[in-house]
Amino acid sequence: MATNAGTGQEAIGQRIVIQGKVTDEAGKPVSQAFIEIWQANTAGAMCINCIPEMRL
C-alpha cells in the first residue's frame, strides 16, 4: 500500500510501476546509481514540509 507522507493514510490516485536501468554513454550499467522521482498528489501539489531536510 502506498501511503500519503503527510497523513499516513492510503494514497489517492493511480499507481504506476517504473522499470529500467541506468547506463553510461557506452551502454554499460552504472553501479549503485540513484534515481529520485517526485510525483505531485491528485491536487497537483507536493508536500515539501513532509520531508525533514526540505522543511523551512
PDB file of N, CA and C in Angstrom:
ATOM      1  N   MET A   1       0.840  -1.179   0.000  1.00  0.00           N
ATOM      2  CA  MET A   1       0.000   0.000   0.000  1.00  0.00           C
ATOM      3  C   MET A   1       0.887   1.246   0.000  1.00  0.00           C
ATOM      4  N   ALA A   2       0.618   2.141  -0.901  1.00  0.00           N
ATOM      5  CA  ALA A   2       1.314   3.431  -0.916  1.00  0.00           C
ATOM      6  C   ALA A   2       0.615   4.346   0.075  1.00  0.00           C
ATOM      7  N   THR A   3       1.406   5.068   0.874  1.00  0.00           N
ATOM      8  CA  THR A   3       0.798   5.948   1.868  1.00  0.00           C
ATOM      9  C   THR A   3       1.124   7.400   1.589  1.00  0.00           C
ATOM     10  N   ASN A   4       0.252   8.266   2.074  1.00  0.00           N
ATOM     11  CA  ASN A   4       0.431   9.707   1.963  1.00  0.00           C
ATOM     12  C   ASN A   4       1.424  10.139   3.035  1.00  0.00           C
ATOM     13  N   ALA A   5       2.505  10.796   2.646  1.00  0.00           N
ATOM     14  CA  ALA A   5       3.544  11.200   3.591  1.00  0.00           C
ATOM     15  C   ALA A   5       3.035  12.185   4.624  1.00  0.00           C
ATOM     16  N   GLY A   6       2.029  12.956   4.288  1.00  0.00           N
ATOM     17  CA  GLY A   6       1.513  13.963   5.209  1.00  0.00           C
ATOM     18  C   GLY A   6       0.522  13.420   6.220  1.00  0.00           C
ATOM     19  N   THR A   7      -0.281  12.430   5.800  1.00  0.00           N
ATOM     20  CA  THR A   7      -1.337  11.930   6.678  1.00  0.00           C
ATOM     21  C   THR A   7      -1.118  10.495   7.127  1.00  0.00           C
ATOM     22  N   GLY A   8      -0.318   9.748   6.409  1.00  0.00           N
ATOM     23  CA  GLY A   8      -0.124   8.334   6.717  1.00  0.00           C
ATOM     24  C   GLY A   8      -1.242   7.457   6.185  1.00  0.00           C
ATOM     25  N   GLN A   9      -2.260   8.067   5.569  1.00  0.00           N
ATOM     26  CA  GLN A   9      -3.373   7.311   5.003  1.00  0.00           C
ATOM     27  C   GLN A   9      -3.002   6.813   3.616  1.00  0.00           C
ATOM     28  N   GLU A  10      -3.822   5.901   3.101  1.00  0.00           N
ATOM     29  CA  GLU A  10      -3.561   5.368   1.771  1.00  0.00           C
ATOM     30  C   GLU A  10      -3.580   6.486   0.736  1.00  0.00           C
ATOM     31  N   ALA A  11      -2.622   6.462  -0.178  1.00  0.00           N
ATOM     32  CA  ALA A  11      -2.529   7.473  -1.223  1.00  0.00           C
ATOM     33  C   ALA A  11      -3.686   7.332  -2.207  1.00  0.00           C
ATOM     34  N   ILE A  12      -4.123   8.485  -2.744  1.00  0.00           N
ATOM     35  CA  ILE A  12      -5.210   8.514  -3.724  1.00  0.00           C
ATOM     36  C   ILE A  12      -4.583   8.681  -5.099  1.00  0.00           C
ATOM     37  N   GLY A  13      -5.135   8.023  -6.075  1.00  0.00           N
ATOM     38  CA  GLY A  13      -4.653   8.187  -7.442  1.00  0.00           C
ATOM     39  C   GLY A  13      -4.184   6.872  -8.040  1.00  0.00           C
ATOM     40  N   GLN A  14      -3.764   6.951  -9.266  1.00  0.00           N
ATOM     41  CA  GLN A  14      -3.332   5.770  -9.998  1.00  0.00           C
ATOM     42  C   GLN A  14      -1.889   5.446  -9.644  1.00  0.00           C
ATOM     43  N   ARG A  15      -1.636   4.193  -9.315  1.00  0.00           N
ATOM     44  CA  ARG A  15      -0.275   3.752  -9.030  1.00  0.00           C
ATOM     45  C   ARG A  15       0.397   3.361 -10.337  1.00  0.00           C
ATOM     46  N   ILE A  16       1.680   3.657 -10.429  1.00  0.00           N
ATOM     47  CA  ILE A  16       2.431   3.302 -11.628  1.00  0.00           C
ATOM     48  C   ILE A  16       3.666   2.506 -11.221  1.00  0.00           C
ATOM     49  N   VAL A  17       4.176   1.728 -12.139  1.00  0.00           N
ATOM     50  CA  VAL A  17       5.412   0.984 -11.934  1.00  0.00           C
ATOM     51  C   VAL A  17       6.407   1.492 -12.963  1.00  0.00           C
ATOM     52  N   ILE A  18       7.581   1.867 -12.487  1.00  0.00           N
ATOM     53  CA  ILE A  18       8.631   2.342 -13.383  1.00  0.00           C
ATOM     54  C   ILE A  18       9.761   1.337 -13.324  1.00  0.00           C
ATOM     55  N   GLN A  19      10.247   0.957 -14.475  1.00  0.00           N
ATOM     56  CA  GLN A  19      11.280  -0.069 -14.550  1.00  0.00           C
ATOM     57  C   GLN A  19      12.307   0.345 -15.589  1.00  0.00           C
ATOM     58  N   GLY A  20      13.563   0.052 -15.329  1.00  0.00           N
ATOM     59  CA  GLY A  20      14.589   0.374 -16.308  1.00  0.00           C
ATOM     60  C   GLY A  20      15.970   0.144 -15.757  1.00  0.00           C
ATOM     61  N   LYS A  21      16.961   0.666 -16.442  1.00  0.00           N
ATOM     62  CA  LYS A  21      18.332   0.559 -15.973  1.00  0.00           C
ATOM     63  C   LYS A  21      19.087   1.827 -16.333  1.00  0.00           C
ATOM     64  N   VAL A  22      20.115   2.119 -15.564  1.00  0.00           N
ATOM     65  CA  VAL A  22      20.934   3.299 -15.800  1.00  0.00           C
ATOM     66  C   VAL A  22      22.221   2.836 -16.461  1.00  0.00           C
ATOM     67  N   THR A  23      22.532   3.473 -17.596  1.00  0.00           N
ATOM     68  CA  THR A  23      23.756   3.121 -18.318  1.00  0.00           C
ATOM     69  C   THR A  23      24.576   4.368 -18.622  1.00  0.00           C
ATOM     70  N   ASP A  24      25.859   4.150 -18.889  1.00  0.00           N
ATOM     71  CA  ASP A  24      26.697   5.268 -19.307  1.00  0.00           C
ATOM     72  C   ASP A  24      26.565   5.446 -20.821  1.00  0.00           C
ATOM     73  N   GLU A  25      27.346   6.371 -21.385  1.00  0.00           N
ATOM     74  CA  GLU A  25      27.246   6.635 -22.829  1.00  0.00           C
ATOM     75  C   GLU A  25      27.606   5.440 -23.687  1.00  0.00           C
ATOM     76  N   ALA A  26      28.391   4.503 -23.129  1.00  0.00           N
ATOM     77  CA  ALA A  26      28.786   3.305 -23.871  1.00  0.00           C
ATOM     78  C   ALA A  26      27.777   2.172 -23.696  1.00  0.00           C
ATOM     79  N   GLY A  27      26.729   2.407 -22.895  1.00  0.00           N
ATOM     80  CA  GLY A  27      25.721   1.382 -22.692  1.00  0.00           C
ATOM     81  C   GLY A  27      26.031   0.427 -21.554  1.00  0.00           C
ATOM     82  N   LYS A  28      27.090   0.696 -20.796  1.00  0.00           N
ATOM     83  CA  LYS A  28      27.455  -0.167 -19.673  1.00  0.00           C
ATOM     84  C   LYS A  28      26.657   0.246 -18.435  1.00  0.00           C
ATOM     85  N   PRO A  29      26.195  -0.736 -17.644  1.00  0.00           N
ATOM     86  CA  PRO A  29      25.426  -0.417 -16.432  1.00  0.00           C
ATOM     87  C   PRO A  29      26.219   0.457 -15.468  1.00  0.00           C
ATOM     88  N   VAL A  30      25.542   1.408 -14.835  1.00  0.00           N
ATOM     89  CA  VAL A  30      26.162   2.276 -13.835  1.00  0.00           C
ATOM     90  C   VAL A  30      25.887   1.662 -12.461  1.00  0.00           C
ATOM     91  N   SER A  31      26.940   1.268 -11.777  1.00  0.00           N
ATOM     92  CA  SER A  31      26.812   0.634 -10.469  1.00  0.00           C
ATOM     93  C   SER A  31      26.335   1.626  -9.417  1.00  0.00           C
ATOM     94  N   GLN A  32      25.409   1.216  -8.595  1.00  0.00           N
ATOM     95  CA  GLN A  32      24.883   1.977  -7.467  1.00  0.00           C
ATOM     96  C   GLN A  32      24.323   3.345  -7.872  1.00  0.00           C
ATOM     97  N   ALA A  33      23.714   3.413  -9.038  1.00  0.00           N
ATOM     98  CA  ALA A  33      23.069   4.656  -9.471  1.00  0.00           C
ATOM     99  C   ALA A  33      21.867   4.928  -8.576  1.00  0.00           C
ATOM    100  N   PHE A  34      21.572   6.195  -8.334  1.00  0.00           N
ATOM    101  CA  PHE A  34      20.441   6.592  -7.500  1.00  0.00           C
ATOM    102  C   PHE A  34      19.556   7.519  -8.310  1.00  0.00           C
ATOM    103  N   ILE A  35      18.294   7.174  -8.416  1.00  0.00           N
ATOM    104  CA  ILE A  35      17.330   7.994  -9.133  1.00  0.00           C
ATOM    105  C   ILE A  35      16.226   8.370  -8.151  1.00  0.00           C
ATOM    106  N   GLU A  36      15.938   9.648  -8.055  1.00  0.00           N
ATOM    107  CA  GLU A  36      14.880  10.119  -7.172  1.00  0.00           C
ATOM    108  C   GLU A  36      13.748  10.654  -8.034  1.00  0.00           C
ATOM    109  N   ILE A  37      12.552  10.144  -7.799  1.00  0.00           N
ATOM    110  CA  ILE A  37      11.394  10.545  -8.588  1.00  0.00           C
ATOM    111  C   ILE A  37      10.366  11.174  -7.655  1.00  0.00           C
ATOM    112  N   TRP A  38       9.921  12.353  -8.003  1.00  0.00           N
ATOM    113  CA  TRP A  38       8.895  13.057  -7.223  1.00  0.00           C
ATOM    114  C   TRP A  38       7.629  13.094  -8.054  1.00  0.00           C
ATOM    115  N   GLN A  39       6.515  12.935  -7.384  1.00  0.00           N
ATOM    116  CA  GLN A  39       5.234  12.986  -8.082  1.00  0.00           C
ATOM    117  C   GLN A  39       4.268  13.831  -7.266  1.00  0.00           C
ATOM    118  N   ALA A  40       3.553  14.684  -7.932  1.00  0.00           N
ATOM    119  CA  ALA A  40       2.549  15.518  -7.261  1.00  0.00           C
ATOM    120  C   ALA A  40       1.353  14.657  -6.854  1.00  0.00           C
ATOM    121  N   ASN A  41       0.593  15.151  -5.882  1.00  0.00           N
ATOM    122  CA  ASN A  41      -0.624  14.443  -5.478  1.00  0.00           C
ATOM    123  C   ASN A  41      -1.743  14.721  -6.481  1.00  0.00           C
ATOM    124  N   THR A  42      -2.930  14.207  -6.195  1.00  0.00           N
ATOM    125  CA  THR A  42      -4.043  14.370  -7.135  1.00  0.00           C
ATOM    126  C   THR A  42      -4.475  15.823  -7.294  1.00  0.00           C
ATOM    127  N   ALA A  43      -4.083  16.691  -6.341  1.00  0.00           N
ATOM    128  CA  ALA A  43      -4.402  18.116  -6.438  1.00  0.00           C
ATOM    129  C   ALA A  43      -3.305  18.891  -7.164  1.00  0.00           C
ATOM    130  N   GLY A  44      -2.245  18.191  -7.584  1.00  0.00           N
ATOM    131  CA  GLY A  44      -1.157  18.846  -8.307  1.00  0.00           C
ATOM    132  C   GLY A  44      -0.107  19.466  -7.407  1.00  0.00           C
ATOM    133  N   ALA A  45      -0.097  19.110  -6.122  1.00  0.00           N
ATOM    134  CA  ALA A  45       0.854  19.697  -5.172  1.00  0.00           C
ATOM    135  C   ALA A  45       1.775  18.631  -4.589  1.00  0.00           C
ATOM    136  N   MET A  46       2.920  19.081  -4.070  1.00  0.00           N
ATOM    137  CA  MET A  46       3.849  18.203  -3.360  1.00  0.00           C
ATOM    138  C   MET A  46       3.959  18.685  -1.921  1.00  0.00           C
ATOM    139  N   CYS A  47       4.126  17.761  -1.014  1.00  0.00           N
ATOM    140  CA  CYS A  47       4.240  18.100   0.407  1.00  0.00           C
ATOM    141  C   CYS A  47       5.720  18.262   0.753  1.00  0.00           C
ATOM    142  N   ILE A  48       6.283  19.413   0.460  1.00  0.00           N
ATOM    143  CA  ILE A  48       7.690  19.669   0.743  1.00  0.00           C
ATOM    144  C   ILE A  48       7.972  19.590   2.237  1.00  0.00           C
ATOM    145  N   ASN A  49       7.055  20.065   3.065  1.00  0.00           N
ATOM    146  CA  ASN A  49       7.258  20.044   4.511  1.00  0.00           C
ATOM    147  C   ASN A  49       7.201  18.636   5.097  1.00  0.00           C
ATOM    148  N   CYS A  50       6.793  17.645   4.321  1.00  0.00           N
ATOM    149  CA  CYS A  50       6.757  16.263   4.797  1.00  0.00           C
ATOM    150  C   CYS A  50       8.150  15.634   4.758  1.00  0.00           C
ATOM    151  N   ILE A  51       9.086  16.302   4.119  1.00  0.00           N
ATOM    152  CA  ILE A  51      10.450  15.785   4.004  1.00  0.00           C
ATOM    153  C   ILE A  51      11.339  16.597   4.925  1.00  0.00           C
ATOM    154  N   PRO A  52      11.890  15.955   5.979  1.00  0.00           N
ATOM    155  CA  PRO A  52      12.631  16.702   7.004  1.00  0.00           C
ATOM    156  C   PRO A  52      13.680  17.674   6.463  1.00  0.00           C
ATOM    157  N   GLU A  53      14.474  17.275   5.505  1.00  0.00           N
ATOM    158  CA  GLU A  53      15.545  18.164   5.016  1.00  0.00           C
ATOM    159  C   GLU A  53      15.028  19.310   4.154  1.00  0.00           C
ATOM    160  N   MET A  54      13.743  19.297   3.810  1.00  0.00           N
ATOM    161  CA  MET A  54      13.155  20.356   2.995  1.00  0.00           C
ATOM    162  C   MET A  54      12.326  21.334   3.824  1.00  0.00           C
ATOM    163  N   ARG A  55      12.155  21.068   5.103  1.00  0.00           N
ATOM    164  CA  ARG A  55      11.325  21.931   5.943  1.00  0.00           C
ATOM    165  C   ARG A  55      11.921  23.316   6.064  1.00  0.00           C
ATOM    166  N   LEU A  56      11.063  24.313   6.061  1.00  0.00           N
ATOM    167  CA  LEU A  56      11.503  25.709   6.189  1.00  0.00           C
ATOM    168  C   LEU A  56      11.549  26.127   7.634  1.00  0.00           C
TER     169      LEU A  56
END
